[in-house]
Amino acid sequence: MEYVHGYSNREALRLADQADTLTGILHSGTAYPSGSRVLEAGCGVGAQTIALAKNSPEAEITSIDISRESLSHAESLIRSEGISNVNFKQADIMNLPFPENSFDHVFVCFVLEHLQNPEVALQSLKRVLKRGGSITVIEGDHGSCYFHPETEEAVRVWGCLVQSQRDYNGNPMIGRELHPLLNDSGFRNVEISPKIVYVDSNRPELVDGFIKKTIIAMVEGVKDQAIEKGMINIKTWNRGIKDLYKTAEPGGTFFYNFFRGYGIK
C-alpha cells in the first residue's frame, strides 16, 4: 500500500513523537482484560502499539502490517521497551490470514484514512472478530484544523497535505465519517467520541510535541510531491511553513479534532 507520508526514518520518528504526545488523549479508556486476544490492524512502526500493550499487559496482542520494513522497526521498538505480550505478523488488512472469530477485540489507529475502500477493511476485520467482540477505531480529520495566526500561505500548505492524501486515494476527512462507516459495516452499539487537542503557550509540551513534531512534521512530509505536482510553488511553501511555526510561538494557538469510534459485532 502506498502511504502519503512515506516510510522514511524521519516519518518513523514523527509517528513516535505523535504517539508519545497523544497517548493520554487517544488511548484513555482503551484497555483489554487478561487473556483476551487482540488484533492491532496496521501497526506501522509500532508507535501506537506501545500504549496498547502497556494498557493491557495481560492481553495477547497480534499486530499486523503490510510493510515488512515497518514491522521490523515495530519489533525493535517493542523489544526495546521490554514488552512481551505482542506478536507481529505481515498481513494485508483486506485479506487477513486468520480464521473467522479469531479475536476478542480489534484495534485500528490512523489506518482507514489511507485506504481507498475502508468499508472492505472493516468487513475483513469484522470477519475475524468474535460475536460480541469490540472494535476500536481512531482517526483524525484534517478538516477540523484551526490555527492562529492564520495566513493565506499557511492555509495553502495545509491544503497540500489534504490534497496529497486524496491523490493517494485516502480520505483526510474520515474522522467525521466513522459513525456511518461502522454502522454500515454492521457493528452494533456504535459510539463516537471526539478527542480534542487544543494548544497554546500554556501547554508547552503540546507546543513542541504536537504542533512542531506532529503537525508541521506531517505537513513537511508532503513537500516534494506538492511542489512536483504543481500544488504550490517553493516560495509560497516556505512562507506557509514559516507561518505555521508562528502558531507555536507565544500568542499562537492550534486546534485539531480526532475521533474514537467503538462498536460491537
Protein backbone atom coordinates (compact mmCIF):
# COMPACT_ATOMS: atom_id res chain seq x y z
CA MET A 1 0.00 0.00 0.00
CA GLU A 2 1.26 3.48 -0.88
CA TYR A 3 1.47 5.75 2.14
CA VAL A 4 1.20 9.51 1.68
CA HIS A 5 3.91 10.24 4.26
CA GLY A 6 6.31 7.55 3.07
CA TYR A 7 8.34 5.04 5.08
CA SER A 8 11.43 7.09 5.94
CA ASN A 9 13.24 7.10 9.27
CA ARG A 10 12.08 10.69 9.67
CA GLU A 11 8.45 9.55 9.36
CA ALA A 12 9.03 6.78 11.90
CA LEU A 13 10.37 9.39 14.32
CA ARG A 14 7.36 11.64 13.67
CA LEU A 15 4.97 8.79 14.41
CA ALA A 16 6.79 8.01 17.65
CA ASP A 17 6.68 11.67 18.72
CA GLN A 18 2.98 11.80 17.87
CA ALA A 19 2.25 8.69 19.92
CA ASP A 20 4.24 9.96 22.91
CA THR A 21 2.38 13.27 22.83
CA LEU A 22 -1.13 11.92 22.32
CA THR A 23 -1.16 8.69 24.35
CA GLY A 24 -3.16 10.13 27.22
CA ILE A 25 -5.69 11.71 24.87
CA LEU A 26 -6.19 8.90 22.37
CA HIS A 27 -5.73 5.78 24.49
CA SER A 28 -7.61 6.69 27.65
CA GLY A 29 -10.31 4.09 28.18
CA THR A 30 -8.77 1.54 25.83
CA ALA A 31 -7.73 -1.50 27.86
CA TYR A 32 -8.38 -5.20 27.36
CA PRO A 33 -8.77 -7.93 30.01
CA SER A 34 -6.30 -10.67 30.83
CA GLY A 35 -6.20 -13.48 28.30
CA SER A 36 -8.17 -11.66 25.61
CA ARG A 37 -6.93 -11.91 22.04
CA VAL A 38 -6.48 -8.50 20.43
CA LEU A 39 -5.73 -7.70 16.79
CA GLU A 40 -3.99 -4.42 16.07
CA ALA A 41 -4.51 -3.84 12.36
CA GLY A 42 -1.99 -1.63 10.59
CA CYS A 43 0.52 -1.22 13.40
CA GLY A 44 3.06 0.56 11.20
CA VAL A 45 6.29 1.23 13.07
CA GLY A 46 4.71 0.32 16.42
CA ALA A 47 4.15 3.87 17.64
CA GLN A 48 0.66 3.10 18.96
CA THR A 49 1.49 -0.50 19.87
CA ILE A 50 3.46 0.59 22.93
CA ALA A 51 0.49 2.30 24.57
CA LEU A 52 -1.84 -0.51 23.53
CA ALA A 53 0.38 -3.17 25.09
CA LYS A 54 1.14 -1.22 28.26
CA ASN A 55 -2.55 -0.50 28.85
CA SER A 56 -3.36 -4.23 28.50
CA PRO A 57 -0.28 -6.10 29.77
CA GLU A 58 -2.14 -9.40 30.23
CA ALA A 59 -3.82 -9.41 26.82
CA GLU A 60 -2.42 -11.36 23.86
CA ILE A 61 -1.85 -8.82 21.08
CA THR A 62 -1.23 -9.64 17.43
CA SER A 63 -0.02 -6.62 15.48
CA ILE A 64 -0.09 -6.75 11.68
CA ASP A 65 1.09 -4.51 8.87
CA ILE A 66 1.55 -4.91 5.14
CA SER A 67 5.06 -3.41 5.24
CA ARG A 68 7.87 -5.74 6.28
CA GLU A 69 10.14 -2.73 6.86
CA SER A 70 7.64 -1.14 9.24
CA LEU A 71 7.18 -4.41 11.11
CA SER A 72 10.93 -4.75 11.66
CA HIS A 73 11.01 -1.26 13.12
CA ALA A 74 7.96 -2.06 15.30
CA GLU A 75 9.51 -5.27 16.62
CA SER A 76 12.73 -3.49 17.57
CA LEU A 77 10.80 -0.70 19.27
CA ILE A 78 8.61 -3.05 21.29
CA ARG A 79 11.50 -5.24 22.39
CA SER A 80 13.47 -2.14 23.47
CA GLU A 81 10.54 -1.28 25.76
CA GLY A 82 10.67 -4.72 27.38
CA ILE A 83 7.16 -5.56 26.16
CA SER A 84 6.48 -9.26 25.71
CA ASN A 85 2.74 -9.59 25.01
CA VAL A 86 2.85 -8.60 21.32
CA ASN A 87 3.41 -10.85 18.30
CA PHE A 88 3.97 -9.38 14.85
CA LYS A 89 2.81 -10.73 11.51
CA GLN A 90 2.99 -9.38 7.97
CA ALA A 91 -0.53 -9.31 6.59
CA ASP A 92 -2.92 -7.35 4.37
CA ILE A 93 -5.89 -5.88 6.23
CA MET A 94 -8.04 -6.58 3.16
CA ASN A 95 -7.20 -10.28 3.17
CA LEU A 96 -6.49 -11.33 6.73
CA PRO A 97 -4.82 -14.74 7.21
CA PHE A 98 -6.90 -15.67 10.27
CA PRO A 99 -9.97 -17.88 10.67
CA GLU A 100 -13.34 -16.38 11.46
CA ASN A 101 -13.96 -15.46 15.10
CA SER A 102 -10.25 -15.42 15.98
CA PHE A 103 -10.10 -12.29 18.15
CA ASP A 104 -11.96 -10.84 21.11
CA HIS A 105 -11.12 -7.26 20.18
CA VAL A 106 -9.81 -5.28 17.20
CA PHE A 107 -7.89 -2.01 17.42
CA VAL A 108 -7.26 0.25 14.40
CA CYS A 109 -5.49 3.62 14.63
CA PHE A 110 -4.72 6.02 11.75
CA VAL A 111 -5.25 3.32 9.12
CA LEU A 112 -8.66 3.75 7.48
CA GLU A 113 -7.76 7.28 6.34
CA HIS A 114 -5.17 5.79 3.97
CA LEU A 115 -7.41 3.14 2.38
CA GLN A 116 -9.34 3.51 -0.85
CA ASN A 117 -12.02 1.13 0.45
CA PRO A 118 -12.26 1.40 4.25
CA GLU A 119 -15.62 -0.39 4.14
CA VAL A 120 -13.92 -3.51 2.77
CA ALA A 121 -11.29 -3.32 5.52
CA LEU A 122 -13.97 -3.10 8.21
CA GLN A 123 -15.76 -6.13 6.79
CA SER A 124 -12.48 -8.06 6.77
CA LEU A 125 -11.86 -7.12 10.40
CA LYS A 126 -15.41 -7.99 11.36
CA ARG A 127 -14.95 -11.48 9.92
CA VAL A 128 -12.10 -12.34 12.31
CA LEU A 129 -13.80 -10.74 15.32
CA LYS A 130 -15.80 -12.96 17.66
CA ARG A 131 -19.50 -12.27 18.10
CA GLY A 132 -19.85 -9.83 20.98
CA GLY A 133 -16.27 -8.64 20.48
CA SER A 134 -15.38 -4.96 20.13
CA ILE A 135 -13.71 -2.81 17.53
CA THR A 136 -12.00 0.48 18.38
CA VAL A 137 -11.08 2.84 15.55
CA ILE A 138 -9.16 6.11 15.97
CA GLU A 139 -8.84 8.58 13.09
CA GLY A 140 -8.10 12.24 12.55
CA ASP A 141 -9.99 14.76 10.43
CA HIS A 142 -7.89 17.33 8.59
CA GLY A 143 -10.96 19.47 8.05
CA SER A 144 -11.14 20.08 11.81
CA CYS A 145 -7.89 22.03 11.89
CA TYR A 146 -7.95 25.67 13.03
CA PHE A 147 -4.98 27.80 13.96
CA HIS A 148 -3.85 31.33 14.77
CA PRO A 149 -2.27 33.28 13.25
CA GLU A 150 -3.90 32.10 10.02
CA THR A 151 -2.33 33.30 6.80
CA GLU A 152 -3.17 32.50 3.20
CA GLU A 153 0.17 30.74 2.76
CA ALA A 154 -0.27 28.59 5.90
CA VAL A 155 -3.72 27.53 4.70
CA ARG A 156 -2.22 26.68 1.30
CA VAL A 157 0.41 24.33 2.71
CA TRP A 158 -2.22 22.63 4.90
CA GLY A 159 -4.29 22.20 1.76
CA CYS A 160 -1.34 20.46 0.14
CA LEU A 161 -1.43 17.83 2.88
CA VAL A 162 -5.15 17.28 2.31
CA GLN A 163 -4.80 17.06 -1.48
CA SER A 164 -1.76 14.77 -1.29
CA GLN A 165 -3.68 12.27 0.79
CA ARG A 166 -6.57 12.37 -1.67
CA ASP A 167 -4.13 11.78 -4.52
CA TYR A 168 -3.16 8.54 -2.77
CA ASN A 169 -6.86 7.58 -2.68
CA GLY A 170 -7.09 8.29 1.04
CA ASN A 171 -9.69 10.27 2.97
CA PRO A 172 -8.23 13.12 5.04
CA MET A 173 -11.68 13.89 6.49
CA ILE A 174 -12.55 10.34 7.56
CA GLY A 175 -12.96 11.13 11.27
CA ARG A 176 -16.42 12.64 10.73
CA GLU A 177 -17.45 9.51 8.81
CA LEU A 178 -16.65 6.89 11.44
CA HIS A 179 -20.23 6.59 12.69
CA PRO A 180 -21.77 5.74 9.31
CA LEU A 181 -18.80 3.57 8.36
CA LEU A 182 -19.13 1.40 11.46
CA ASN A 183 -22.92 1.35 11.29
CA ASP A 184 -22.99 0.43 7.61
CA SER A 185 -20.46 -2.33 8.29
CA GLY A 186 -22.93 -3.97 10.65
CA PHE A 187 -21.39 -3.12 14.02
CA ARG A 188 -23.82 -2.59 16.90
CA ASN A 189 -23.91 -0.02 19.71
CA VAL A 190 -21.67 2.33 17.75
CA GLU A 191 -20.34 5.27 19.77
CA ILE A 192 -18.11 8.09 18.56
CA SER A 193 -16.08 10.22 20.98
CA PRO A 194 -14.30 13.40 19.86
CA LYS A 195 -10.74 13.70 21.16
CA ILE A 196 -9.91 17.38 21.06
CA VAL A 197 -6.37 18.73 21.03
CA TYR A 198 -6.12 22.44 21.76
CA VAL A 199 -2.69 24.03 22.12
CA ASP A 200 -1.47 27.41 23.26
CA SER A 201 1.63 28.67 25.06
CA ASN A 202 0.26 27.45 28.40
CA ARG A 203 0.79 23.88 27.16
CA PRO A 204 4.48 23.81 26.22
CA GLU A 205 4.63 20.01 25.96
CA LEU A 206 1.94 20.11 23.26
CA VAL A 207 3.51 23.11 21.52
CA ASP A 208 6.61 21.02 20.90
CA GLY A 209 5.18 17.51 20.69
CA PHE A 210 2.01 18.25 18.73
CA ILE A 211 2.41 21.44 16.69
CA LYS A 212 6.10 21.09 15.82
CA LYS A 213 6.85 17.36 15.91
CA THR A 214 3.47 16.02 14.79
CA ILE A 215 1.51 18.54 12.71
CA ILE A 216 4.22 20.58 11.00
CA ALA A 217 6.41 17.49 10.54
CA MET A 218 3.44 15.77 8.86
CA VAL A 219 2.89 18.71 6.51
CA GLU A 220 6.59 18.93 5.66
CA GLY A 221 6.48 15.27 4.66
CA VAL A 222 4.44 16.07 1.52
CA LYS A 223 6.65 18.94 0.33
CA ASP A 224 8.24 17.18 -2.63
CA GLN A 225 5.06 15.75 -4.08
CA ALA A 226 3.16 19.00 -3.57
CA ILE A 227 5.76 21.00 -5.48
CA GLU A 228 6.28 18.34 -8.16
CA LYS A 229 2.53 18.20 -8.85
CA GLY A 230 2.24 21.97 -9.04
CA MET A 231 0.00 22.39 -6.00
CA ILE A 232 2.23 25.19 -4.71
CA ASN A 233 5.50 26.94 -5.55
CA ILE A 234 8.56 26.79 -3.32
CA LYS A 235 8.31 30.45 -2.25
CA THR A 236 4.73 30.06 -1.06
CA TRP A 237 5.57 26.72 0.57
CA ASN A 238 8.45 28.16 2.60
CA ARG A 239 6.36 31.13 3.68
CA GLY A 240 3.48 28.85 4.68
CA ILE A 241 5.68 26.59 6.79
CA LYS A 242 7.23 29.61 8.45
CA ASP A 243 3.74 30.92 9.26
CA LEU A 244 2.68 27.53 10.67
CA TYR A 245 5.60 27.72 13.09
CA LYS A 246 4.17 31.01 14.35
CA THR A 247 1.25 29.05 15.79
CA ALA A 248 3.81 27.51 18.17
CA GLU A 249 5.05 30.89 19.35
CA PRO A 250 3.58 32.97 22.22
CA GLY A 251 0.19 34.20 21.06
CA GLY A 252 -0.25 31.29 18.66
CA THR A 253 -2.93 28.60 19.01
CA PHE A 254 -3.76 25.31 17.31
CA PHE A 255 -6.90 23.15 17.36
CA TYR A 256 -7.41 19.66 15.94
CA ASN A 257 -10.07 17.00 16.47
CA PHE A 258 -9.50 13.25 16.50
CA PHE A 259 -12.38 10.77 16.64
CA ARG A 260 -12.55 7.47 18.54
CA GLY A 261 -15.13 5.01 17.26
CA TYR A 262 -16.34 1.95 19.12
CA GLY A 263 -18.66 -0.85 18.10
CA ILE A 264 -19.67 -4.43 18.88
CA LYS A 265 -20.03 -7.34 16.46
